[in-house]
PDB file of N, CA and C in Angstrom:
ATOM      1  N   MET A   1      92.961 116.063 101.961  1.00  0.00           N
ATOM      2  CA  MET A   1      94.082 116.851 101.507  1.00  0.00           C
ATOM      3  C   MET A   1      93.612 118.284 101.313  1.00  0.00           C
ATOM      4  N   LYS A   2      94.331 119.209 101.870  1.00  0.00           N
ATOM      5  CA  LYS A   2      94.022 120.628 101.714  1.00  0.00           C
ATOM      6  C   LYS A   2      94.469 121.095 100.329  1.00  0.00           C
ATOM      7  N   ILE A   3      93.574 121.768  99.617  1.00  0.00           N
ATOM      8  CA  ILE A   3      93.906 122.267  98.284  1.00  0.00           C
ATOM      9  C   ILE A   3      94.514 123.660  98.429  1.00  0.00           C
ATOM     10  N   THR A   4      95.789 123.756  98.124  1.00  0.00           N
ATOM     11  CA  THR A   4      96.489 125.037  98.166  1.00  0.00           C
ATOM     12  C   THR A   4      96.624 125.570  96.752  1.00  0.00           C
ATOM     13  N   ARG A   5      97.108 126.768  96.639  1.00  0.00           N
ATOM     14  CA  ARG A   5      97.339 127.344  95.317  1.00  0.00           C
ATOM     15  C   ARG A   5      98.329 126.486  94.537  1.00  0.00           C
ATOM     16  N   ARG A   6      99.359 125.992  95.218  1.00  0.00           N
ATOM     17  CA  ARG A   6     100.354 125.138  94.578  1.00  0.00           C
ATOM     18  C   ARG A   6      99.714 123.835  94.086  1.00  0.00           C
ATOM     19  N   THR A   7      98.839 123.255  94.912  1.00  0.00           N
ATOM     20  CA  THR A   7      98.152 122.029  94.519  1.00  0.00           C
ATOM     21  C   THR A   7      97.267 122.272  93.305  1.00  0.00           C
ATOM     22  N   ALA A   8      96.515 123.356  93.324  1.00  0.00           N
ATOM     23  CA  ALA A   8      95.632 123.680  92.203  1.00  0.00           C
ATOM     24  C   ALA A   8      96.437 123.875  90.924  1.00  0.00           C
ATOM     25  N   LEU A   9      97.555 124.586  91.015  1.00  0.00           N
ATOM     26  CA  LEU A   9      98.401 124.787  89.847  1.00  0.00           C
ATOM     27  C   LEU A   9      98.961 123.457  89.362  1.00  0.00           C
ATOM     28  N   GLY A  10      99.407 122.641  90.295  1.00  0.00           N
ATOM     29  CA  GLY A  10      99.937 121.324  89.928  1.00  0.00           C
ATOM     30  C   GLY A  10      98.890 120.471  89.239  1.00  0.00           C
ATOM     31  N   MET A  11      97.665 120.501  89.747  1.00  0.00           N
ATOM     32  CA  MET A  11      96.591 119.727  89.137  1.00  0.00           C
ATOM     33  C   MET A  11      96.279 120.257  87.732  1.00  0.00           C
ATOM     34  N   ALA A  12      96.313 121.572  87.565  1.00  0.00           N
ATOM     35  CA  ALA A  12      96.044 122.157  86.250  1.00  0.00           C
ATOM     36  C   ALA A  12      97.123 121.744  85.253  1.00  0.00           C
ATOM     37  N   LEU A  13      98.385 121.818  85.674  1.00  0.00           N
ATOM     38  CA  LEU A  13      99.482 121.418  84.789  1.00  0.00           C
ATOM     39  C   LEU A  13      99.417 119.922  84.490  1.00  0.00           C
ATOM     40  N   ALA A  14      99.092 119.140  85.493  1.00  0.00           N
ATOM     41  CA  ALA A  14      98.972 117.698  85.291  1.00  0.00           C
ATOM     42  C   ALA A  14      97.832 117.384  84.340  1.00  0.00           C
ATOM     43  N   SER A  15      96.768 118.129  84.442  1.00  0.00           N
ATOM     44  CA  SER A  15      95.623 117.936  83.554  1.00  0.00           C
ATOM     45  C   SER A  15      96.026 118.146  82.113  1.00  0.00           C
ATOM     46  N   ILE A  16      96.781 119.191  81.864  1.00  0.00           N
ATOM     47  CA  ILE A  16      97.242 119.480  80.503  1.00  0.00           C
ATOM     48  C   ILE A  16      98.187 118.389  80.025  1.00  0.00           C
ATOM     49  N   ALA A  17      99.149 118.036  80.862  1.00  0.00           N
ATOM     50  CA  ALA A  17     100.132 117.022  80.477  1.00  0.00           C
ATOM     51  C   ALA A  17      99.472 115.670  80.252  1.00  0.00           C
ATOM     52  N   THR A  18      98.579 115.278  81.135  1.00  0.00           N
ATOM     53  CA  THR A  18      97.931 113.981  81.005  1.00  0.00           C
ATOM     54  C   THR A  18      97.038 113.928  79.780  1.00  0.00           C
ATOM     55  N   SER A  19      96.409 115.037  79.448  1.00  0.00           N
ATOM     56  CA  SER A  19      95.546 115.037  78.264  1.00  0.00           C
ATOM     57  C   SER A  19      96.361 114.825  77.000  1.00  0.00           C
ATOM     58  N   LEU A  20      97.638 115.144  77.041  1.00  0.00           N
ATOM     59  CA  LEU A  20      98.493 114.941  75.880  1.00  0.00           C
ATOM     60  C   LEU A  20      99.018 113.517  75.772  1.00  0.00           C
ATOM     61  N   VAL A  21      99.163 112.826  76.915  1.00  0.00           N
ATOM     62  CA  VAL A  21      99.803 111.517  76.885  1.00  0.00           C
ATOM     63  C   VAL A  21      98.941 110.368  77.388  1.00  0.00           C
ATOM     64  N   GLY A  22      97.839 110.626  78.016  1.00  0.00           N
ATOM     65  CA  GLY A  22      97.046 109.552  78.595  1.00  0.00           C
ATOM     66  C   GLY A  22      95.589 109.672  78.229  1.00  0.00           C
ATOM     67  N   SER A  23      94.772 109.032  79.030  1.00  0.00           N
ATOM     68  CA  SER A  23      93.335 109.112  78.807  1.00  0.00           C
ATOM     69  C   SER A  23      92.669 109.648  80.061  1.00  0.00           C
ATOM     70  N   ARG A  24      91.398 109.983  79.956  1.00  0.00           N
ATOM     71  CA  ARG A  24      90.667 110.544  81.081  1.00  0.00           C
ATOM     72  C   ARG A  24      89.565 109.572  81.489  1.00  0.00           C
ATOM     73  N   ALA A  25      89.592 109.136  82.736  1.00  0.00           N
ATOM     74  CA  ALA A  25      88.583 108.222  83.252  1.00  0.00           C
ATOM     75  C   ALA A  25      87.519 109.029  83.989  1.00  0.00           C
ATOM     76  N   GLN A  26      86.277 108.853  83.620  1.00  0.00           N
ATOM     77  CA  GLN A  26      85.202 109.702  84.126  1.00  0.00           C
ATOM     78  C   GLN A  26      84.514 109.181  85.383  1.00  0.00           C
ATOM     79  N   ALA A  27      84.110 107.926  85.415  1.00  0.00           N
ATOM     80  CA  ALA A  27      83.306 107.446  86.531  1.00  0.00           C
ATOM     81  C   ALA A  27      83.519 105.949  86.704  1.00  0.00           C
ATOM     82  N   SER A  28      82.942 105.416  87.776  1.00  0.00           N
ATOM     83  CA  SER A  28      83.026 103.988  88.026  1.00  0.00           C
ATOM     84  C   SER A  28      82.594 103.229  86.771  1.00  0.00           C
ATOM     85  N   GLY A  29      83.379 102.257  86.373  1.00  0.00           N
ATOM     86  CA  GLY A  29      83.099 101.503  85.163  1.00  0.00           C
ATOM     87  C   GLY A  29      83.698 102.114  83.915  1.00  0.00           C
ATOM     88  N   ALA A  30      84.237 103.330  84.036  1.00  0.00           N
ATOM     89  CA  ALA A  30      84.836 103.998  82.877  1.00  0.00           C
ATOM     90  C   ALA A  30      86.052 103.214  82.405  1.00  0.00           C
ATOM     91  N   GLN A  31      86.156 103.052  81.105  1.00  0.00           N
ATOM     92  CA  GLN A  31      87.282 102.340  80.528  1.00  0.00           C
ATOM     93  C   GLN A  31      88.518 103.234  80.522  1.00  0.00           C
ATOM     94  N   ILE A  32      89.627 102.675  80.983  1.00  0.00           N
ATOM     95  CA  ILE A  32      90.891 103.418  81.021  1.00  0.00           C
ATOM     96  C   ILE A  32      91.762 103.029  79.834  1.00  0.00           C
ATOM     97  N   ILE A  33      91.999 101.736  79.672  1.00  0.00           N
ATOM     98  CA  ILE A  33      92.831 101.232  78.572  1.00  0.00           C
ATOM     99  C   ILE A  33      92.512  99.756  78.381  1.00  0.00           C
ATOM    100  N   ARG A  34      92.625  99.288  77.143  1.00  0.00           N
ATOM    101  CA  ARG A  34      92.480  97.855  76.889  1.00  0.00           C
ATOM    102  C   ARG A  34      93.639  97.145  77.578  1.00  0.00           C
ATOM    103  N   LEU A  35      93.343  96.063  78.257  1.00  0.00           N
ATOM    104  CA  LEU A  35      94.370  95.314  78.973  1.00  0.00           C
ATOM    105  C   LEU A  35      95.473  94.869  78.014  1.00  0.00           C
ATOM    106  N   SER A  36      95.114  94.509  76.803  1.00  0.00           N
ATOM    107  CA  SER A  36      96.102  94.043  75.821  1.00  0.00           C
ATOM    108  C   SER A  36      97.068  95.143  75.384  1.00  0.00           C
ATOM    109  N   LYS A  37      96.748  96.386  75.646  1.00  0.00           N
ATOM    110  CA  LYS A  37      97.595  97.517  75.240  1.00  0.00           C
ATOM    111  C   LYS A  37      98.671  97.860  76.266  1.00  0.00           C
ATOM    112  N   ILE A  38      98.613  97.235  77.439  1.00  0.00           N
ATOM    113  CA  ILE A  38      99.609  97.515  78.475  1.00  0.00           C
ATOM    114  C   ILE A  38     100.287  96.204  78.878  1.00  0.00           C
ATOM    115  N   LYS A  39     101.587  96.150  78.686  1.00  0.00           N
ATOM    116  CA  LYS A  39     102.351  94.945  78.971  1.00  0.00           C
ATOM    117  C   LYS A  39     102.543  94.762  80.469  1.00  0.00           C
ATOM    118  N   VAL A  40     102.763  93.523  80.875  1.00  0.00           N
ATOM    119  CA  VAL A  40     103.105  93.231  82.264  1.00  0.00           C
ATOM    120  C   VAL A  40     104.387  93.982  82.593  1.00  0.00           C
ATOM    121  N   GLY A  41     104.398  94.703  83.705  1.00  0.00           N
ATOM    122  CA  GLY A  41     105.551  95.491  84.115  1.00  0.00           C
ATOM    123  C   GLY A  41     105.501  96.937  83.644  1.00  0.00           C
ATOM    124  N   ALA A  42     104.500  97.277  82.820  1.00  0.00           N
ATOM    125  CA  ALA A  42     104.392  98.634  82.281  1.00  0.00           C
ATOM    126  C   ALA A  42     103.447  99.494  83.127  1.00  0.00           C
ATOM    127  N   THR A  43     103.499 100.790  82.856  1.00  0.00           N
ATOM    128  CA  THR A  43     102.610 101.751  83.515  1.00  0.00           C
ATOM    129  C   THR A  43     101.859 102.539  82.442  1.00  0.00           C
ATOM    130  N   PHE A  44     100.772 103.182  82.857  1.00  0.00           N
ATOM    131  CA  PHE A  44      99.977 103.994  81.934  1.00  0.00           C
ATOM    132  C   PHE A  44      99.419 105.190  82.699  1.00  0.00           C
ATOM    133  N   GLN A  45      99.693 106.386  82.185  1.00  0.00           N
ATOM    134  CA  GLN A  45      99.172 107.611  82.797  1.00  0.00           C
ATOM    135  C   GLN A  45      97.749 107.852  82.324  1.00  0.00           C
ATOM    136  N   PHE A  46      96.890 108.274  83.262  1.00  0.00           N
ATOM    137  CA  PHE A  46      95.545 108.677  82.902  1.00  0.00           C
ATOM    138  C   PHE A  46      95.095 109.755  83.866  1.00  0.00           C
ATOM    139  N   GLN A  47      93.931 110.300  83.625  1.00  0.00           N
ATOM    140  CA  GLN A  47      93.436 111.414  84.426  1.00  0.00           C
ATOM    141  C   GLN A  47      92.061 111.071  84.970  1.00  0.00           C
ATOM    142  N   LEU A  48      91.849 111.375  86.234  1.00  0.00           N
ATOM    143  CA  LEU A  48      90.548 111.167  86.856  1.00  0.00           C
ATOM    144  C   LEU A  48      89.608 112.301  86.460  1.00  0.00           C
ATOM    145  N   SER A  49      88.321 112.096  86.643  1.00  0.00           N
ATOM    146  CA  SER A  49      87.341 113.097  86.231  1.00  0.00           C
ATOM    147  C   SER A  49      87.495 114.417  86.984  1.00  0.00           C
ATOM    148  N   ASN A  50      88.120 114.380  88.172  1.00  0.00           N
ATOM    149  CA  ASN A  50      88.333 115.621  88.925  1.00  0.00           C
ATOM    150  C   ASN A  50      89.606 116.349  88.490  1.00  0.00           C
ATOM    151  N   GLY A  51      90.263 115.836  87.455  1.00  0.00           N
ATOM    152  CA  GLY A  51      91.472 116.463  86.932  1.00  0.00           C
ATOM    153  C   GLY A  51      92.760 115.927  87.519  1.00  0.00           C
ATOM    154  N   ALA A  52      92.666 115.098  88.541  1.00  0.00           N
ATOM    155  CA  ALA A  52      93.864 114.566  89.186  1.00  0.00           C
ATOM    156  C   ALA A  52      94.558 113.548  88.278  1.00  0.00           C
ATOM    157  N   PRO A  53      95.879 113.631  88.169  1.00  0.00           N
ATOM    158  CA  PRO A  53      96.615 112.640  87.388  1.00  0.00           C
ATOM    159  C   PRO A  53      96.732 111.332  88.165  1.00  0.00           C
ATOM    160  N   ALA A  54      96.777 110.241  87.436  1.00  0.00           N
ATOM    161  CA  ALA A  54      96.895 108.929  88.060  1.00  0.00           C
ATOM    162  C   ALA A  54      97.809 108.059  87.210  1.00  0.00           C
ATOM    163  N   LEU A  55      98.322 107.009  87.826  1.00  0.00           N
ATOM    164  CA  LEU A  55      99.221 106.101  87.136  1.00  0.00           C
ATOM    165  C   LEU A  55      98.777 104.672  87.404  1.00  0.00           C
ATOM    166  N   LEU A  56      98.608 103.916  86.326  1.00  0.00           N
ATOM    167  CA  LEU A  56      98.186 102.521  86.384  1.00  0.00           C
ATOM    168  C   LEU A  56      99.407 101.632  86.246  1.00  0.00           C
ATOM    169  N   PHE A  57      99.467 100.578  87.042  1.00  0.00           N
ATOM    170  CA  PHE A  57     100.538  99.585  86.988  1.00  0.00           C
ATOM    171  C   PHE A  57      99.928  98.244  86.606  1.00  0.00           C
ATOM    172  N   ARG A  58     100.618  97.508  85.728  1.00  0.00           N
ATOM    173  CA  ARG A  58     100.187  96.145  85.434  1.00  0.00           C
ATOM    174  C   ARG A  58     101.282  95.197  85.893  1.00  0.00           C
ATOM    175  N   THR A  59     100.880  94.197  86.666  1.00  0.00           N
ATOM    176  CA  THR A  59     101.795  93.167  87.148  1.00  0.00           C
ATOM    177  C   THR A  59     101.310  91.807  86.653  1.00  0.00           C
ATOM    178  N   LYS A  60     102.049  90.776  86.982  1.00  0.00           N
ATOM    179  CA  LYS A  60     101.647  89.417  86.613  1.00  0.00           C
ATOM    180  C   LYS A  60     100.310  89.044  87.248  1.00  0.00           C
ATOM    181  N   THR A  61     100.011  89.646  88.391  1.00  0.00           N
ATOM    182  CA  THR A  61      98.800  89.274  89.124  1.00  0.00           C
ATOM    183  C   THR A  61      97.620  90.206  88.908  1.00  0.00           C
ATOM    184  N   GLY A  62      97.796  91.301  88.185  1.00  0.00           N
ATOM    185  CA  GLY A  62      96.666  92.198  87.958  1.00  0.00           C
ATOM    186  C   GLY A  62      97.088  93.633  87.724  1.00  0.00           C
ATOM    187  N   VAL A  63      96.203  94.548  88.099  1.00  0.00           N
ATOM    188  CA  VAL A  63      96.438  95.978  87.907  1.00  0.00           C
ATOM    189  C   VAL A  63      96.115  96.737  89.192  1.00  0.00           C
ATOM    190  N   PHE A  64      96.772  97.892  89.363  1.00  0.00           N
ATOM    191  CA  PHE A  64      96.469  98.795  90.466  1.00  0.00           C
ATOM    192  C   PHE A  64      96.882 100.187  90.048  1.00  0.00           C
ATOM    193  N   ALA A  65      96.377 101.198  90.752  1.00  0.00           N
ATOM    194  CA  ALA A  65      96.668 102.582  90.353  1.00  0.00           C
ATOM    195  C   ALA A  65      96.692 103.499  91.558  1.00  0.00           C
ATOM    196  N   TYR A  66      97.379 104.622  91.381  1.00  0.00           N
ATOM    197  CA  TYR A  66      97.468 105.665  92.405  1.00  0.00           C
ATOM    198  C   TYR A  66      97.254 107.023  91.772  1.00  0.00           C
ATOM    199  N   GLN A  67      96.711 107.918  92.569  1.00  0.00           N
ATOM    200  CA  GLN A  67      96.724 109.330  92.197  1.00  0.00           C
ATOM    201  C   GLN A  67      98.169 109.775  92.385  1.00  0.00           C
ATOM    202  N   THR A  68      98.687 110.589  91.484  1.00  0.00           N
ATOM    203  CA  THR A  68     100.122 110.910  91.536  1.00  0.00           C
ATOM    204  C   THR A  68     100.420 112.320  92.022  1.00  0.00           C
ATOM    205  N   ILE A  69      99.551 112.861  92.842  1.00  0.00           N
ATOM    206  CA  ILE A  69      99.806 114.154  93.477  1.00  0.00           C
ATOM    207  C   ILE A  69     100.385 113.864  94.861  1.00  0.00           C
ATOM    208  N   CYS A  70     101.566 114.401  95.129  1.00  0.00           N
ATOM    209  CA  CYS A  70     102.241 114.165  96.397  1.00  0.00           C
ATOM    210  C   CYS A  70     101.377 114.614  97.570  1.00  0.00           C
ATOM    211  N   THR A  71     101.379 113.812  98.612  1.00  0.00           N
ATOM    212  CA  THR A  71     100.573 114.121  99.796  1.00  0.00           C
ATOM    213  C   THR A  71     101.222 115.157 100.702  1.00  0.00           C
ATOM    214  N   HIS A  72     102.424 115.594 100.372  1.00  0.00           N
ATOM    215  CA  HIS A  72     103.097 116.599 101.187  1.00  0.00           C
ATOM    216  C   HIS A  72     102.603 118.001 100.839  1.00  0.00           C
ATOM    217  N   GLN A  73     102.902 118.473  99.622  1.00  0.00           N
ATOM    218  CA  GLN A  73     102.462 119.816  99.235  1.00  0.00           C
ATOM    219  C   GLN A  73     101.889 119.862  97.827  1.00  0.00           C
ATOM    220  N   GLY A  74     101.470 118.715  97.317  1.00  0.00           N
ATOM    221  CA  GLY A  74     100.767 118.701  96.052  1.00  0.00           C
ATOM    222  C   GLY A  74     101.621 118.699  94.807  1.00  0.00           C
ATOM    223  N   GLY A  75     102.901 118.414  94.929  1.00  0.00           N
ATOM    224  CA  GLY A  75     103.737 118.305  93.733  1.00  0.00           C
ATOM    225  C   GLY A  75     103.373 117.053  92.955  1.00  0.00           C
ATOM    226  N   LEU A  76     103.844 116.973  91.741  1.00  0.00           N
ATOM    227  CA  LEU A  76     103.565 115.802  90.918  1.00  0.00           C
ATOM    228  C   LEU A  76     104.654 114.762  91.099  1.00  0.00           C
ATOM    229  N   THR A  77     104.236 113.515  91.210  1.00  0.00           N
ATOM    230  CA  THR A  77     105.207 112.435  91.321  1.00  0.00           C
ATOM    231  C   THR A  77     105.421 111.810  89.953  1.00  0.00           C
ATOM    232  N   LYS A  78     106.608 111.288  89.763  1.00  0.00           N
ATOM    233  CA  LYS A  78     106.979 110.620  88.520  1.00  0.00           C
ATOM    234  C   LYS A  78     107.513 109.242  88.891  1.00  0.00           C
ATOM    235  N   TYR A  79     107.192 108.251  88.070  1.00  0.00           N
ATOM    236  CA  TYR A  79     107.644 106.892  88.338  1.00  0.00           C
ATOM    237  C   TYR A  79     109.044 106.666  87.773  1.00  0.00           C
ATOM    238  N   PHE A  80     109.936 106.190  88.637  1.00  0.00           N
ATOM    239  CA  PHE A  80     111.298 105.828  88.241  1.00  0.00           C
ATOM    240  C   PHE A  80     111.395 104.315  88.305  1.00  0.00           C
ATOM    241  N   SER A  81     111.274 103.675  87.150  1.00  0.00           N
ATOM    242  CA  SER A  81     111.214 102.212  87.113  1.00  0.00           C
ATOM    243  C   SER A  81     112.471 101.507  87.630  1.00  0.00           C
ATOM    244  N   PRO A  82     113.693 102.047  87.424  1.00  0.00           N
ATOM    245  CA  PRO A  82     114.856 101.327  87.970  1.00  0.00           C
ATOM    246  C   PRO A  82     114.802 101.174  89.496  1.00  0.00           C
ATOM    247  N   LYS A  83     114.267 102.173  90.173  1.00  0.00           N
ATOM    248  CA  LYS A  83     114.175 102.109  91.637  1.00  0.00           C
ATOM    249  C   LYS A  83     112.794 101.658  92.106  1.00  0.00           C
ATOM    250  N   LYS A  84     111.845 101.542  91.158  1.00  0.00           N
ATOM    251  CA  LYS A  84     110.471 101.156  91.459  1.00  0.00           C
ATOM    252  C   LYS A  84     109.847 102.079  92.500  1.00  0.00           C
ATOM    253  N   LEU A  85     110.040 103.400  92.301  1.00  0.00           N
ATOM    254  CA  LEU A  85     109.509 104.395  93.221  1.00  0.00           C
ATOM    255  C   LEU A  85     108.827 105.523  92.466  1.00  0.00           C
ATOM    256  N   LEU A  86     107.807 106.102  93.080  1.00  0.00           N
ATOM    257  CA  LEU A  86     107.209 107.347  92.621  1.00  0.00           C
ATOM    258  C   LEU A  86     107.872 108.452  93.428  1.00  0.00           C
ATOM    259  N   VAL A  87     108.445 109.449  92.737  1.00  0.00           N
ATOM    260  CA  VAL A  87     109.206 110.500  93.409  1.00  0.00           C
ATOM    261  C   VAL A  87     108.605 111.856  93.079  1.00  0.00           C
ATOM    262  N   CYS A  88     108.421 112.682  94.105  1.00  0.00           N
ATOM    263  CA  CYS A  88     107.867 114.018  93.936  1.00  0.00           C
ATOM    264  C   CYS A  88     108.943 114.963  93.415  1.00  0.00           C
ATOM    265  N   SER A  89     108.562 115.767  92.449  1.00  0.00           N
ATOM    266  CA  SER A  89     109.512 116.697  91.841  1.00  0.00           C
ATOM    267  C   SER A  89     109.778 117.929  92.702  1.00  0.00           C
ATOM    268  N   VAL A  90     108.983 118.154  93.749  1.00  0.00           N
ATOM    269  CA  VAL A  90     109.148 119.361  94.566  1.00  0.00           C
ATOM    270  C   VAL A  90     110.162 119.154  95.688  1.00  0.00           C
ATOM    271  N   HIS A  91     109.933 118.170  96.560  1.00  0.00           N
ATOM    272  CA  HIS A  91     110.824 117.966  97.705  1.00  0.00           C
ATOM    273  C   HIS A  91     111.416 116.557  97.761  1.00  0.00           C
ATOM    274  N   ASN A  92     111.301 115.811  96.659  1.00  0.00           N
ATOM    275  CA  ASN A  92     111.877 114.467  96.551  1.00  0.00           C
ATOM    276  C   ASN A  92     111.311 113.430  97.505  1.00  0.00           C
ATOM    277  N   ALA A  93     110.092 113.624  97.981  1.00  0.00           N
ATOM    278  CA  ALA A  93     109.445 112.560  98.745  1.00  0.00           C
ATOM    279  C   ALA A  93     109.292 111.376  97.797  1.00  0.00           C
ATOM    280  N   SER A  94     109.431 110.166  98.325  1.00  0.00           N
ATOM    281  CA  SER A  94     109.274 108.998  97.462  1.00  0.00           C
ATOM    282  C   SER A  94     108.281 108.018  98.074  1.00  0.00           C
ATOM    283  N   PHE A  95     107.626 107.291  97.179  1.00  0.00           N
ATOM    284  CA  PHE A  95     106.552 106.383  97.567  1.00  0.00           C
ATOM    285  C   PHE A  95     106.764 105.046  96.866  1.00  0.00           C
ATOM    286  N   ASP A  96     106.412 103.961  97.560  1.00  0.00           N
ATOM    287  CA  ASP A  96     106.548 102.622  96.997  1.00  0.00           C
ATOM    288  C   ASP A  96     105.192 102.150  96.469  1.00  0.00           C
ATOM    289  N   PRO A  97     105.011 102.116  95.155  1.00  0.00           N
ATOM    290  CA  PRO A  97     103.721 101.704  94.616  1.00  0.00           C
ATOM    291  C   PRO A  97     103.419 100.225  94.850  1.00  0.00           C
ATOM    292  N   PHE A  98     104.433  99.433  95.152  1.00  0.00           N
ATOM    293  CA  PHE A  98     104.219  98.014  95.375  1.00  0.00           C
ATOM    294  C   PHE A  98     103.958  97.686  96.849  1.00  0.00           C
ATOM    295  N   LYS A  99     103.893  98.744  97.671  1.00  0.00           N
ATOM    296  CA  LYS A  99     103.547  98.591  99.092  1.00  0.00           C
ATOM    297  C   LYS A  99     102.472  99.604  99.460  1.00  0.00           C
ATOM    298  N   LYS A 100     101.391  99.610  98.662  1.00  0.00           N
ATOM    299  CA  LYS A 100     100.219 100.453  98.905  1.00  0.00           C
ATOM    300  C   LYS A 100     100.528 101.947  98.889  1.00  0.00           C
ATOM    301  N   GLY A 101     101.513 102.349  98.103  1.00  0.00           N
ATOM    302  CA  GLY A 101     101.843 103.768  97.981  1.00  0.00           C
ATOM    303  C   GLY A 101     102.509 104.341  99.216  1.00  0.00           C
ATOM    304  N   ALA A 102     103.090 103.467 100.038  1.00  0.00           N
ATOM    305  CA  ALA A 102     103.705 103.885 101.300  1.00  0.00           C
ATOM    306  C   ALA A 102     104.850 104.864 101.086  1.00  0.00           C
ATOM    307  N   VAL A 103     105.008 105.777 102.038  1.00  0.00           N
ATOM    308  CA  VAL A 103     106.110 106.737 102.011  1.00  0.00           C
ATOM    309  C   VAL A 103     107.410 105.982 102.268  1.00  0.00           C
ATOM    310  N   VAL A 104     108.408 106.206 101.409  1.00  0.00           N
ATOM    311  CA  VAL A 104     109.733 105.625 101.590  1.00  0.00           C
ATOM    312  C   VAL A 104     110.638 106.679 102.214  1.00  0.00           C
ATOM    313  N   THR A 105     110.617 107.893 101.646  1.00  0.00           N
ATOM    314  CA  THR A 105     111.359 109.008 102.234  1.00  0.00           C
ATOM    315  C   THR A 105     110.460 110.231 102.250  1.00  0.00           C
ATOM    316  N   GLY A 106     110.619 111.063 103.298  1.00  0.00           N
ATOM    317  CA  GLY A 106     109.811 112.266 103.469  1.00  0.00           C
ATOM    318  C   GLY A 106     110.289 113.385 102.595  1.00  0.00           C
ATOM    319  N   PRO A 107     109.659 114.511 102.750  1.00  0.00           N
ATOM    320  CA  PRO A 107     108.902 114.977 103.895  1.00  0.00           C
ATOM    321  C   PRO A 107     107.441 114.530 103.943  1.00  0.00           C
ATOM    322  N   ALA A 108     106.928 113.857 102.937  1.00  0.00           N
ATOM    323  CA  ALA A 108     105.548 113.369 103.002  1.00  0.00           C
ATOM    324  C   ALA A 108     105.412 112.374 104.152  1.00  0.00           C
ATOM    325  N   THR A 109     104.226 112.346 104.752  1.00  0.00           N
ATOM    326  CA  THR A 109     103.963 111.402 105.838  1.00  0.00           C
ATOM    327  C   THR A 109     102.788 110.478 105.540  1.00  0.00           C
ATOM    328  N   GLU A 110     102.016 110.789 104.505  1.00  0.00           N
ATOM    329  CA  GLU A 110     100.847 109.995 104.132  1.00  0.00           C
ATOM    330  C   GLU A 110     101.107 109.286 102.805  1.00  0.00           C
ATOM    331  N   PRO A 111     100.607 108.057 102.642  1.00  0.00           N
ATOM    332  CA  PRO A 111     100.784 107.354 101.371  1.00  0.00           C
ATOM    333  C   PRO A 111      99.989 108.019 100.252  1.00  0.00           C
ATOM    334  N   LEU A 112     100.318 107.668  99.023  1.00  0.00           N
ATOM    335  CA  LEU A 112      99.555 108.174  97.882  1.00  0.00           C
ATOM    336  C   LEU A 112      98.160 107.551  97.902  1.00  0.00           C
ATOM    337  N   PRO A 113      97.148 108.314  97.501  1.00  0.00           N
ATOM    338  CA  PRO A 113      95.790 107.758  97.446  1.00  0.00           C
ATOM    339  C   PRO A 113      95.674 106.705  96.339  1.00  0.00           C
ATOM    340  N   THR A 114      95.028 105.596  96.673  1.00  0.00           N
ATOM    341  CA  THR A 114      94.811 104.565  95.666  1.00  0.00           C
ATOM    342  C   THR A 114      93.630 104.942  94.776  1.00  0.00           C
ATOM    343  N   VAL A 115      93.663 104.441  93.569  1.00  0.00           N
ATOM    344  CA  VAL A 115      92.554 104.581  92.629  1.00  0.00           C
ATOM    345  C   VAL A 115      92.067 103.161  92.378  1.00  0.00           C
ATOM    346  N   LYS A 116      90.810 102.897  92.675  1.00  0.00           N
ATOM    347  CA  LYS A 116      90.281 101.546  92.520  1.00  0.00           C
ATOM    348  C   LYS A 116      90.056 101.241  91.041  1.00  0.00           C
ATOM    349  N   VAL A 117      90.726 100.188  90.582  1.00  0.00           N
ATOM    350  CA  VAL A 117      90.604  99.751  89.192  1.00  0.00           C
ATOM    351  C   VAL A 117      90.339  98.248  89.172  1.00  0.00           C
ATOM    352  N   ALA A 118      89.811  97.782  88.057  1.00  0.00           N
ATOM    353  CA  ALA A 118      89.526  96.360  87.882  1.00  0.00           C
ATOM    354  C   ALA A 118      89.664  96.030  86.400  1.00  0.00           C
ATOM    355  N   ILE A 119      89.642  94.736  86.106  1.00  0.00           N
ATOM    356  CA  ILE A 119      89.660  94.282  84.718  1.00  0.00           C
ATOM    357  C   ILE A 119      88.274  93.745  84.411  1.00  0.00           C
ATOM    358  N   LYS A 120      87.672  94.281  83.336  1.00  0.00           N
ATOM    359  CA  LYS A 120      86.324  93.866  82.959  1.00  0.00           C
ATOM    360  C   LYS A 120      86.214  93.824  81.436  1.00  0.00           C
ATOM    361  N   ASN A 121      85.854  92.670  80.921  1.00  0.00           N
ATOM    362  CA  ASN A 121      85.672  92.486  79.475  1.00  0.00           C
ATOM    363  C   ASN A 121      86.877  92.946  78.662  1.00  0.00           C
ATOM    364  N   GLY A 122      88.079  92.629  79.161  1.00  0.00           N
ATOM    365  CA  GLY A 122      89.292  92.971  78.425  1.00  0.00           C
ATOM    366  C   GLY A 122      89.754  94.403  78.583  1.00  0.00           C
ATOM    367  N   TRP A 123      89.095  95.159  79.435  1.00  0.00           N
ATOM    368  CA  TRP A 123      89.453  96.562  79.681  1.00  0.00           C
ATOM    369  C   TRP A 123      89.857  96.747  81.134  1.00  0.00           C
ATOM    370  N   VAL A 124      90.774  97.690  81.382  1.00  0.00           N
ATOM    371  CA  VAL A 124      91.013  98.162  82.746  1.00  0.00           C
ATOM    372  C   VAL A 124      90.009  99.288  82.944  1.00  0.00           C
ATOM    373  N   VAL A 125      89.229  99.187  84.023  1.00  0.00           N
ATOM    374  CA  VAL A 125      88.162 100.164  84.281  1.00  0.00           C
ATOM    375  C   VAL A 125      88.277 100.681  85.711  1.00  0.00           C
ATOM    376  N   LEU A 126      87.652 101.839  85.959  1.00  0.00           N
ATOM    377  CA  LEU A 126      87.530 102.322  87.332  1.00  0.00           C
ATOM    378  C   LEU A 126      86.540 101.420  88.045  1.00  0.00           C
ATOM    379  N   ALA A 127      86.882 101.039  89.265  1.00  0.00           N
ATOM    380  CA  ALA A 127      86.005 100.139  90.040  1.00  0.00           C
ATOM    381  C   ALA A 127      85.124 100.928  90.993  1.00  0.00           C
TER     382      ALA A 127
END
């Protein structure tokens, strides 16, 4: 992904917002959240060590996460649970988190990047 001025600004704003509402995961094995603190069907915002915002999903079968910077022009995506889509606030590109972050509507053409997570000792951690 090419880092543009818009992307850098978006990442900076996301960094500030995520620091207020989520946690920051530093490296492989880093603890994100206790599994017991996130209900099945819920999401949890956190921040990667590079400042990128990410969103964790918990399902009946486990957990998965995506970086939430749109692959089109670096806007921030927000999860809309009624439609089960991540939608970019800039050009309304939408992504399906339950289908590997696939693009549902453009202008984005690439899926959202996955963030490898696992469950270890009762914690969701970076894998």
